[in-house]
Amino acid sequence: MITVMREAVWTGVVVSTPILGVALIAGLAIGLFQALTSIQELTLTFVPKLLAIALVFWISLSFMSQGLVTFFQSEIIPRIAGG
């Protein structure tokens, strides 16, 4: 059971890496822009980050779903079918 949980956590990390990476980069870029220009607008931080995350989610959807399907086919389904 511990190995399955370890693989599940690792699969979750790998699947979420593209979205979290883009959110980090977008947040740093927007924060730097706000610090340089002294613009403190809340929508300036929210909207570009949301658009970047949605774009990366759409682009990497096949990669993420393939990783989850592979995990379920190799780890979860054989344990359920095997008993």
PDB file of N, CA and C in Angstrom:
ATOM      1  N   MET A   1       0.822  -1.189   0.000  1.00  0.00           N
ATOM      2  CA  MET A   1       0.000   0.000   0.000  1.00  0.00           C
ATOM      3  C   MET A   1       0.874   1.265   0.000  1.00  0.00           C
ATOM      4  N   ILE A   2       1.999   1.203   0.690  1.00  0.00           N
ATOM      5  CA  ILE A   2       2.881   2.374   0.743  1.00  0.00           C
ATOM      6  C   ILE A   2       3.467   2.672  -0.630  1.00  0.00           C
ATOM      7  N   THR A   3       3.802   1.636  -1.392  1.00  0.00           N
ATOM      8  CA  THR A   3       4.357   1.890  -2.726  1.00  0.00           C
ATOM      9  C   THR A   3       3.310   2.496  -3.657  1.00  0.00           C
ATOM     10  N   VAL A   4       2.068   2.070  -3.513  1.00  0.00           N
ATOM     11  CA  VAL A   4       1.003   2.655  -4.329  1.00  0.00           C
ATOM     12  C   VAL A   4       0.812   4.123  -3.974  1.00  0.00           C
ATOM     13  N   MET A   5       0.818   4.431  -2.695  1.00  0.00           N
ATOM     14  CA  MET A   5       0.670   5.828  -2.274  1.00  0.00           C
ATOM     15  C   MET A   5       1.853   6.666  -2.749  1.00  0.00           C
ATOM     16  N   ARG A   6       3.047   6.115  -2.695  1.00  0.00           N
ATOM     17  CA  ARG A   6       4.235   6.832  -3.166  1.00  0.00           C
ATOM     18  C   ARG A   6       4.127   7.111  -4.657  1.00  0.00           C
ATOM     19  N   GLU A   7       3.689   6.114  -5.430  1.00  0.00           N
ATOM     20  CA  GLU A   7       3.507   6.311  -6.863  1.00  0.00           C
ATOM     21  C   GLU A   7       2.385   7.315  -7.155  1.00  0.00           C
ATOM     22  N   ALA A   8       1.340   7.298  -6.340  1.00  0.00           N
ATOM     23  CA  ALA A   8       0.238   8.250  -6.528  1.00  0.00           C
ATOM     24  C   ALA A   8       0.703   9.679  -6.278  1.00  0.00           C
ATOM     25  N   VAL A   9       1.476   9.876  -5.236  1.00  0.00           N
ATOM     26  CA  VAL A   9       1.993  11.214  -4.943  1.00  0.00           C
ATOM     27  C   VAL A   9       2.944  11.666  -6.040  1.00  0.00           C
ATOM     28  N   TRP A  10       3.812  10.756  -6.497  1.00  0.00           N
ATOM     29  CA  TRP A  10       4.749  11.124  -7.555  1.00  0.00           C
ATOM     30  C   TRP A  10       4.009  11.458  -8.856  1.00  0.00           C
ATOM     31  N   THR A  11       2.977  10.687  -9.191  1.00  0.00           N
ATOM     32  CA  THR A  11       2.178  10.972 -10.374  1.00  0.00           C
ATOM     33  C   THR A  11       1.494  12.330 -10.245  1.00  0.00           C
ATOM     34  N   GLY A  12       0.991  12.642  -9.069  1.00  0.00           N
ATOM     35  CA  GLY A  12       0.375  13.949  -8.834  1.00  0.00           C
ATOM     36  C   GLY A  12       1.366  15.086  -9.003  1.00  0.00           C
ATOM     37  N   VAL A  13       2.589  14.887  -8.530  1.00  0.00           N
ATOM     38  CA  VAL A  13       3.621  15.914  -8.682  1.00  0.00           C
ATOM     39  C   VAL A  13       3.968  16.123 -10.152  1.00  0.00           C
ATOM     40  N   VAL A  14       4.147  15.027 -10.873  1.00  0.00           N
ATOM     41  CA  VAL A  14       4.516  15.123 -12.288  1.00  0.00           C
ATOM     42  C   VAL A  14       3.387  15.756 -13.103  1.00  0.00           C
ATOM     43  N   VAL A  15       2.155  15.380 -12.810  1.00  0.00           N
ATOM     44  CA  VAL A  15       1.020  15.900 -13.567  1.00  0.00           C
ATOM     45  C   VAL A  15       0.799  17.391 -13.291  1.00  0.00           C
ATOM     46  N   SER A  16       1.037  17.826 -12.062  1.00  0.00           N
ATOM     47  CA  SER A  16       0.764  19.228 -11.720  1.00  0.00           C
ATOM     48  C   SER A  16       1.942  20.163 -11.979  1.00  0.00           C
ATOM     49  N   THR A  17       3.091  19.641 -12.311  1.00  0.00           N
ATOM     50  CA  THR A  17       4.281  20.472 -12.510  1.00  0.00           C
ATOM     51  C   THR A  17       4.115  21.548 -13.590  1.00  0.00           C
ATOM     52  N   PRO A  18       3.568  21.252 -14.770  1.00  0.00           N
ATOM     53  CA  PRO A  18       3.452  22.328 -15.770  1.00  0.00           C
ATOM     54  C   PRO A  18       2.595  23.505 -15.304  1.00  0.00           C
ATOM     55  N   ILE A  19       1.470  23.217 -14.678  1.00  0.00           N
ATOM     56  CA  ILE A  19       0.580  24.295 -14.236  1.00  0.00           C
ATOM     57  C   ILE A  19       1.213  25.087 -13.098  1.00  0.00           C
ATOM     58  N   LEU A  20       1.800  24.391 -12.141  1.00  0.00           N
ATOM     59  CA  LEU A  20       2.422  25.099 -11.022  1.00  0.00           C
ATOM     60  C   LEU A  20       3.634  25.907 -11.461  1.00  0.00           C
ATOM     61  N   GLY A  21       4.385  25.384 -12.421  1.00  0.00           N
ATOM     62  CA  GLY A  21       5.536  26.123 -12.941  1.00  0.00           C
ATOM     63  C   GLY A  21       5.131  27.408 -13.642  1.00  0.00           C
ATOM     64  N   VAL A  22       4.088  27.333 -14.448  1.00  0.00           N
ATOM     65  CA  VAL A  22       3.616  28.528 -15.147  1.00  0.00           C
ATOM     66  C   VAL A  22       3.022  29.525 -14.161  1.00  0.00           C
ATOM     67  N   ALA A  23       2.311  29.044 -13.157  1.00  0.00           N
ATOM     68  CA  ALA A  23       1.758  29.951 -12.151  1.00  0.00           C
ATOM     69  C   ALA A  23       2.879  30.662 -11.390  1.00  0.00           C
ATOM     70  N   LEU A  24       3.955  29.943 -11.093  1.00  0.00           N
ATOM     71  CA  LEU A  24       5.091  30.556 -10.408  1.00  0.00           C
ATOM     72  C   LEU A  24       5.772  31.602 -11.275  1.00  0.00           C
ATOM     73  N   ILE A  25       6.027  31.259 -12.521  1.00  0.00           N
ATOM     74  CA  ILE A  25       6.703  32.200 -13.421  1.00  0.00           C
ATOM     75  C   ILE A  25       5.835  33.426 -13.689  1.00  0.00           C
ATOM     76  N   ALA A  26       4.539  33.201 -13.925  1.00  0.00           N
ATOM     77  CA  ALA A  26       3.638  34.328 -14.178  1.00  0.00           C
ATOM     78  C   ALA A  26       3.521  35.216 -12.942  1.00  0.00           C
ATOM     79  N   GLY A  27       3.441  34.608 -11.770  1.00  0.00           N
ATOM     80  CA  GLY A  27       3.363  35.393 -10.538  1.00  0.00           C
ATOM     81  C   GLY A  27       4.615  36.220 -10.297  1.00  0.00           C
ATOM     82  N   LEU A  28       5.774  35.634 -10.547  1.00  0.00           N
ATOM     83  CA  LEU A  28       7.026  36.381 -10.389  1.00  0.00           C
ATOM     84  C   LEU A  28       7.129  37.520 -11.400  1.00  0.00           C
ATOM     85  N   ALA A  29       6.746  37.247 -12.641  1.00  0.00           N
ATOM     86  CA  ALA A  29       6.821  38.296 -13.667  1.00  0.00           C
ATOM     87  C   ALA A  29       5.859  39.437 -13.361  1.00  0.00           C
ATOM     88  N   ILE A  30       4.657  39.113 -12.941  1.00  0.00           N
ATOM     89  CA  ILE A  30       3.676  40.155 -12.628  1.00  0.00           C
ATOM     90  C   ILE A  30       4.091  40.923 -11.380  1.00  0.00           C
ATOM     91  N   GLY A  31       4.616  40.217 -10.386  1.00  0.00           N
ATOM     92  CA  GLY A  31       5.097  40.895  -9.180  1.00  0.00           C
ATOM     93  C   GLY A  31       6.249  41.834  -9.481  1.00  0.00           C
ATOM     94  N   LEU A  32       7.161  41.409 -10.343  1.00  0.00           N
ATOM     95  CA  LEU A  32       8.270  42.268 -10.737  1.00  0.00           C
ATOM     96  C   LEU A  32       7.762  43.481 -11.509  1.00  0.00           C
ATOM     97  N   PHE A  33       6.819  43.272 -12.399  1.00  0.00           N
ATOM     98  CA  PHE A  33       6.233  44.384 -13.153  1.00  0.00           C
ATOM     99  C   PHE A  33       5.543  45.379 -12.222  1.00  0.00           C
ATOM    100  N   GLN A  34       4.801  44.865 -11.244  1.00  0.00           N
ATOM    101  CA  GLN A  34       4.126  45.754 -10.302  1.00  0.00           C
ATOM    102  C   GLN A  34       5.124  46.512  -9.434  1.00  0.00           C
ATOM    103  N   ALA A  35       6.205  45.852  -9.057  1.00  0.00           N
ATOM    104  CA  ALA A  35       7.206  46.534  -8.239  1.00  0.00           C
ATOM    105  C   ALA A  35       7.929  47.619  -9.029  1.00  0.00           C
ATOM    106  N   LEU A  36       8.166  47.373 -10.295  1.00  0.00           N
ATOM    107  CA  LEU A  36       8.880  48.348 -11.119  1.00  0.00           C
ATOM    108  C   LEU A  36       8.007  49.540 -11.502  1.00  0.00           C
ATOM    109  N   THR A  37       6.715  49.315 -11.674  1.00  0.00           N
ATOM    110  CA  THR A  37       5.846  50.391 -12.123  1.00  0.00           C
ATOM    111  C   THR A  37       4.984  50.981 -11.015  1.00  0.00           C
ATOM    112  N   SER A  38       5.008  50.422  -9.845  1.00  0.00           N
ATOM    113  CA  SER A  38       4.206  50.866  -8.700  1.00  0.00           C
ATOM    114  C   SER A  38       2.704  50.807  -8.971  1.00  0.00           C
ATOM    115  N   ILE A  39       2.298  49.916  -9.840  1.00  0.00           N
ATOM    116  CA  ILE A  39       0.869  49.689 -10.104  1.00  0.00           C
ATOM    117  C   ILE A  39       0.402  48.588  -9.166  1.00  0.00           C
ATOM    118  N   GLN A  40      -0.575  48.878  -8.332  1.00  0.00           N
ATOM    119  CA  GLN A  40      -1.089  47.894  -7.380  1.00  0.00           C
ATOM    120  C   GLN A  40      -2.552  47.598  -7.683  1.00  0.00           C
ATOM    121  N   GLU A  41      -2.785  46.938  -8.782  1.00  0.00           N
ATOM    122  CA  GLU A  41      -4.139  46.592  -9.209  1.00  0.00           C
ATOM    123  C   GLU A  41      -4.337  45.090  -9.016  1.00  0.00           C
ATOM    124  N   LEU A  42      -5.409  44.686  -8.348  1.00  0.00           N
ATOM    125  CA  LEU A  42      -5.636  43.276  -8.070  1.00  0.00           C
ATOM    126  C   LEU A  42      -5.944  42.477  -9.327  1.00  0.00           C
ATOM    127  N   THR A  43      -6.669  43.082 -10.265  1.00  0.00           N
ATOM    128  CA  THR A  43      -6.982  42.346 -11.482  1.00  0.00           C
ATOM    129  C   THR A  43      -5.745  42.135 -12.344  1.00  0.00           C
ATOM    130  N   LEU A  44      -4.738  42.968 -12.174  1.00  0.00           N
ATOM    131  CA  LEU A  44      -3.498  42.798 -12.927  1.00  0.00           C
ATOM    132  C   LEU A  44      -2.787  41.513 -12.516  1.00  0.00           C
ATOM    133  N   THR A  45      -2.945  41.084 -11.285  1.00  0.00           N
ATOM    134  CA  THR A  45      -2.315  39.833 -10.857  1.00  0.00           C
ATOM    135  C   THR A  45      -3.177  38.628 -11.186  1.00  0.00           C
ATOM    136  N   PHE A  46      -4.486  38.789 -11.140  1.00  0.00           N
ATOM    137  CA  PHE A  46      -5.382  37.642 -11.277  1.00  0.00           C
ATOM    138  C   PHE A  46      -5.602  37.226 -12.725  1.00  0.00           C
ATOM    139  N   VAL A  47      -5.934  38.145 -13.584  1.00  0.00           N
ATOM    140  CA  VAL A  47      -6.335  37.819 -14.953  1.00  0.00           C
ATOM    141  C   VAL A  47      -5.191  37.215 -15.774  1.00  0.00           C
ATOM    142  N   PRO A  48      -3.990  37.805 -15.823  1.00  0.00           N
ATOM    143  CA  PRO A  48      -2.924  37.169 -16.627  1.00  0.00           C
ATOM    144  C   PRO A  48      -2.521  35.799 -16.098  1.00  0.00           C
ATOM    145  N   LYS A  49      -2.505  35.652 -14.777  1.00  0.00           N
ATOM    146  CA  LYS A  49      -2.152  34.352 -14.210  1.00  0.00           C
ATOM    147  C   LYS A  49      -3.214  33.306 -14.553  1.00  0.00           C
ATOM    148  N   LEU A  50      -4.471  33.689 -14.488  1.00  0.00           N
ATOM    149  CA  LEU A  50      -5.558  32.780 -14.834  1.00  0.00           C
ATOM    150  C   LEU A  50      -5.497  32.389 -16.307  1.00  0.00           C
ATOM    151  N   LEU A  51      -5.227  33.349 -17.176  1.00  0.00           N
ATOM    152  CA  LEU A  51      -5.107  33.047 -18.601  1.00  0.00           C
ATOM    153  C   LEU A  51      -3.915  32.136 -18.893  1.00  0.00           C
ATOM    154  N   ALA A  52      -2.791  32.385 -18.244  1.00  0.00           N
ATOM    155  CA  ALA A  52      -1.603  31.547 -18.451  1.00  0.00           C
ATOM    156  C   ALA A  52      -1.857  30.124 -17.964  1.00  0.00           C
ATOM    157  N   ILE A  53      -2.498  29.983 -16.815  1.00  0.00           N
ATOM    158  CA  ILE A  53      -2.792  28.655 -16.286  1.00  0.00           C
ATOM    159  C   ILE A  53      -3.777  27.921 -17.184  1.00  0.00           C
ATOM    160  N   ALA A  54      -4.807  28.617 -17.663  1.00  0.00           N
ATOM    161  CA  ALA A  54      -5.787  27.981 -18.552  1.00  0.00           C
ATOM    162  C   ALA A  54      -5.139  27.543 -19.863  1.00  0.00           C
ATOM    163  N   LEU A  55      -4.247  28.362 -20.405  1.00  0.00           N
ATOM    164  CA  LEU A  55      -3.565  28.013 -21.642  1.00  0.00           C
ATOM    165  C   LEU A  55      -2.674  26.786 -21.461  1.00  0.00           C
ATOM    166  N   VAL A  56      -1.898  26.762 -20.385  1.00  0.00           N
ATOM    167  CA  VAL A  56      -1.022  25.616 -20.139  1.00  0.00           C
ATOM    168  C   VAL A  56      -1.841  24.365 -19.826  1.00  0.00           C
ATOM    169  N   PHE A  57      -2.944  24.527 -19.119  1.00  0.00           N
ATOM    170  CA  PHE A  57      -3.814  23.384 -18.847  1.00  0.00           C
ATOM    171  C   PHE A  57      -4.343  22.806 -20.148  1.00  0.00           C
ATOM    172  N   TRP A  58      -4.759  23.665 -21.052  1.00  0.00           N
ATOM    173  CA  TRP A  58      -5.288  23.203 -22.328  1.00  0.00           C
ATOM    174  C   TRP A  58      -4.209  22.521 -23.160  1.00  0.00           C
ATOM    175  N   ILE A  59      -3.003  23.074 -23.158  1.00  0.00           N
ATOM    176  CA  ILE A  59      -1.906  22.511 -23.944  1.00  0.00           C
ATOM    177  C   ILE A  59      -1.440  21.171 -23.367  1.00  0.00           C
ATOM    178  N   SER A  60      -1.342  21.078 -22.039  1.00  0.00           N
ATOM    179  CA  SER A  60      -0.797  19.867 -21.424  1.00  0.00           C
ATOM    180  C   SER A  60      -1.868  18.885 -20.957  1.00  0.00           C
ATOM    181  N   LEU A  61      -3.087  19.036 -21.407  1.00  0.00           N
ATOM    182  CA  LEU A  61      -4.167  18.156 -20.985  1.00  0.00           C
ATOM    183  C   LEU A  61      -3.920  16.711 -21.412  1.00  0.00           C
ATOM    184  N   SER A  62      -3.423  16.499 -22.616  1.00  0.00           N
ATOM    185  CA  SER A  62      -3.162  15.125 -23.068  1.00  0.00           C
ATOM    186  C   SER A  62      -2.044  14.482 -22.256  1.00  0.00           C
ATOM    187  N   PHE A  63      -1.005  15.246 -21.930  1.00  0.00           N
ATOM    188  CA  PHE A  63       0.086  14.729 -21.098  1.00  0.00           C
ATOM    189  C   PHE A  63      -0.414  14.346 -19.702  1.00  0.00           C
ATOM    190  N   MET A  64      -1.237  15.201 -19.112  1.00  0.00           N
ATOM    191  CA  MET A  64      -1.735  14.934 -17.769  1.00  0.00           C
ATOM    192  C   MET A  64      -2.683  13.742 -17.748  1.00  0.00           C
ATOM    193  N   SER A  65      -3.582  13.677 -18.712  1.00  0.00           N
ATOM    194  CA  SER A  65      -4.520  12.552 -18.731  1.00  0.00           C
ATOM    195  C   SER A  65      -3.800  11.248 -19.039  1.00  0.00           C
ATOM    196  N   GLN A  66      -2.796  11.280 -19.902  1.00  0.00           N
ATOM    197  CA  GLN A  66      -2.026  10.071 -20.193  1.00  0.00           C
ATOM    198  C   GLN A  66      -1.268   9.587 -18.962  1.00  0.00           C
ATOM    199  N   GLY A  67      -0.713  10.503 -18.186  1.00  0.00           N
ATOM    200  CA  GLY A  67      -0.031  10.118 -16.957  1.00  0.00           C
ATOM    201  C   GLY A  67      -0.965   9.485 -15.945  1.00  0.00           C
ATOM    202  N   LEU A  68      -2.164  10.040 -15.804  1.00  0.00           N
ATOM    203  CA  LEU A  68      -3.136   9.472 -14.875  1.00  0.00           C
ATOM    204  C   LEU A  68      -3.659   8.122 -15.351  1.00  0.00           C
ATOM    205  N   VAL A  69      -3.922   7.997 -16.657  1.00  0.00           N
ATOM    206  CA  VAL A  69      -4.396   6.720 -17.192  1.00  0.00           C
ATOM    207  C   VAL A  69      -3.333   5.646 -17.028  1.00  0.00           C
ATOM    208  N   THR A  70      -2.080   5.980 -17.287  1.00  0.00           N
ATOM    209  CA  THR A  70      -0.990   5.026 -17.118  1.00  0.00           C
ATOM    210  C   THR A  70      -0.875   4.580 -15.665  1.00  0.00           C
ATOM    211  N   PHE A  71      -0.990   5.512 -14.744  1.00  0.00           N
ATOM    212  CA  PHE A  71      -0.927   5.160 -13.330  1.00  0.00           C
ATOM    213  C   PHE A  71      -2.059   4.219 -12.946  1.00  0.00           C
ATOM    214  N   PHE A  72      -3.263   4.527 -13.380  1.00  0.00           N
ATOM    215  CA  PHE A  72      -4.392   3.671 -13.032  1.00  0.00           C
ATOM    216  C   PHE A  72      -4.281   2.298 -13.676  1.00  0.00           C
ATOM    217  N   GLN A  73      -3.813   2.238 -14.926  1.00  0.00           N
ATOM    218  CA  GLN A  73      -3.696   0.951 -15.607  1.00  0.00           C
ATOM    219  C   GLN A  73      -2.572   0.088 -15.045  1.00  0.00           C
ATOM    220  N   SER A  74      -1.507   0.721 -14.585  1.00  0.00           N
ATOM    221  CA  SER A  74      -0.376  -0.070 -14.099  1.00  0.00           C
ATOM    222  C   SER A  74      -0.420  -0.347 -12.601  1.00  0.00           C
ATOM    223  N   GLU A  75      -1.075   0.492 -11.822  1.00  0.00           N
ATOM    224  CA  GLU A  75      -1.055   0.327 -10.361  1.00  0.00           C
ATOM    225  C   GLU A  75      -2.414  -0.024  -9.760  1.00  0.00           C
ATOM    226  N   ILE A  76      -3.423   0.720 -10.082  1.00  0.00           N
ATOM    227  CA  ILE A  76      -4.704   0.596  -9.386  1.00  0.00           C
ATOM    228  C   ILE A  76      -5.537  -0.566  -9.923  1.00  0.00           C
ATOM    229  N   ILE A  77      -5.749  -0.631 -11.216  1.00  0.00           N
ATOM    230  CA  ILE A  77      -6.637  -1.647 -11.790  1.00  0.00           C
ATOM    231  C   ILE A  77      -6.113  -3.066 -11.550  1.00  0.00           C
ATOM    232  N   PRO A  78      -4.786  -3.335 -11.698  1.00  0.00           N
ATOM    233  CA  PRO A  78      -4.330  -4.703 -11.385  1.00  0.00           C
ATOM    234  C   PRO A  78      -4.543  -5.084  -9.915  1.00  0.00           C
ATOM    235  N   ARG A  79      -4.462  -4.141  -9.008  1.00  0.00           N
ATOM    236  CA  ARG A  79      -4.703  -4.462  -7.591  1.00  0.00           C
ATOM    237  C   ARG A  79      -6.172  -4.728  -7.332  1.00  0.00           C
ATOM    238  N   ILE A  80      -7.048  -4.004  -8.031  1.00  0.00           N
ATOM    239  CA  ILE A  80      -8.484  -4.251  -7.860  1.00  0.00           C
ATOM    240  C   ILE A  80      -8.863  -5.603  -8.492  1.00  0.00           C
ATOM    241  N   ALA A  81      -8.360  -5.865  -9.672  1.00  0.00           N
ATOM    242  CA  ALA A  81      -8.697  -7.107 -10.366  1.00  0.00           C
ATOM    243  C   ALA A  81      -8.036  -8.320  -9.709  1.00  0.00           C
ATOM    244  N   GLY A  82      -6.856  -8.106  -9.158  1.00  0.00           N
ATOM    245  CA  GLY A  82      -6.131  -9.224  -8.543  1.00  0.00           C
ATOM    246  C   GLY A  82      -6.613  -9.580  -7.153  1.00  0.00           C
ATOM    247  N   GLY A  83      -7.328  -8.652  -6.558  1.00  0.00           N
ATOM    248  CA  GLY A  83      -7.861  -8.950  -5.235  1.00  0.00           C
ATOM    249  C   GLY A  83      -7.141  -8.357  -4.164  1.00  0.00           C
TER     250      GLY A  83
END
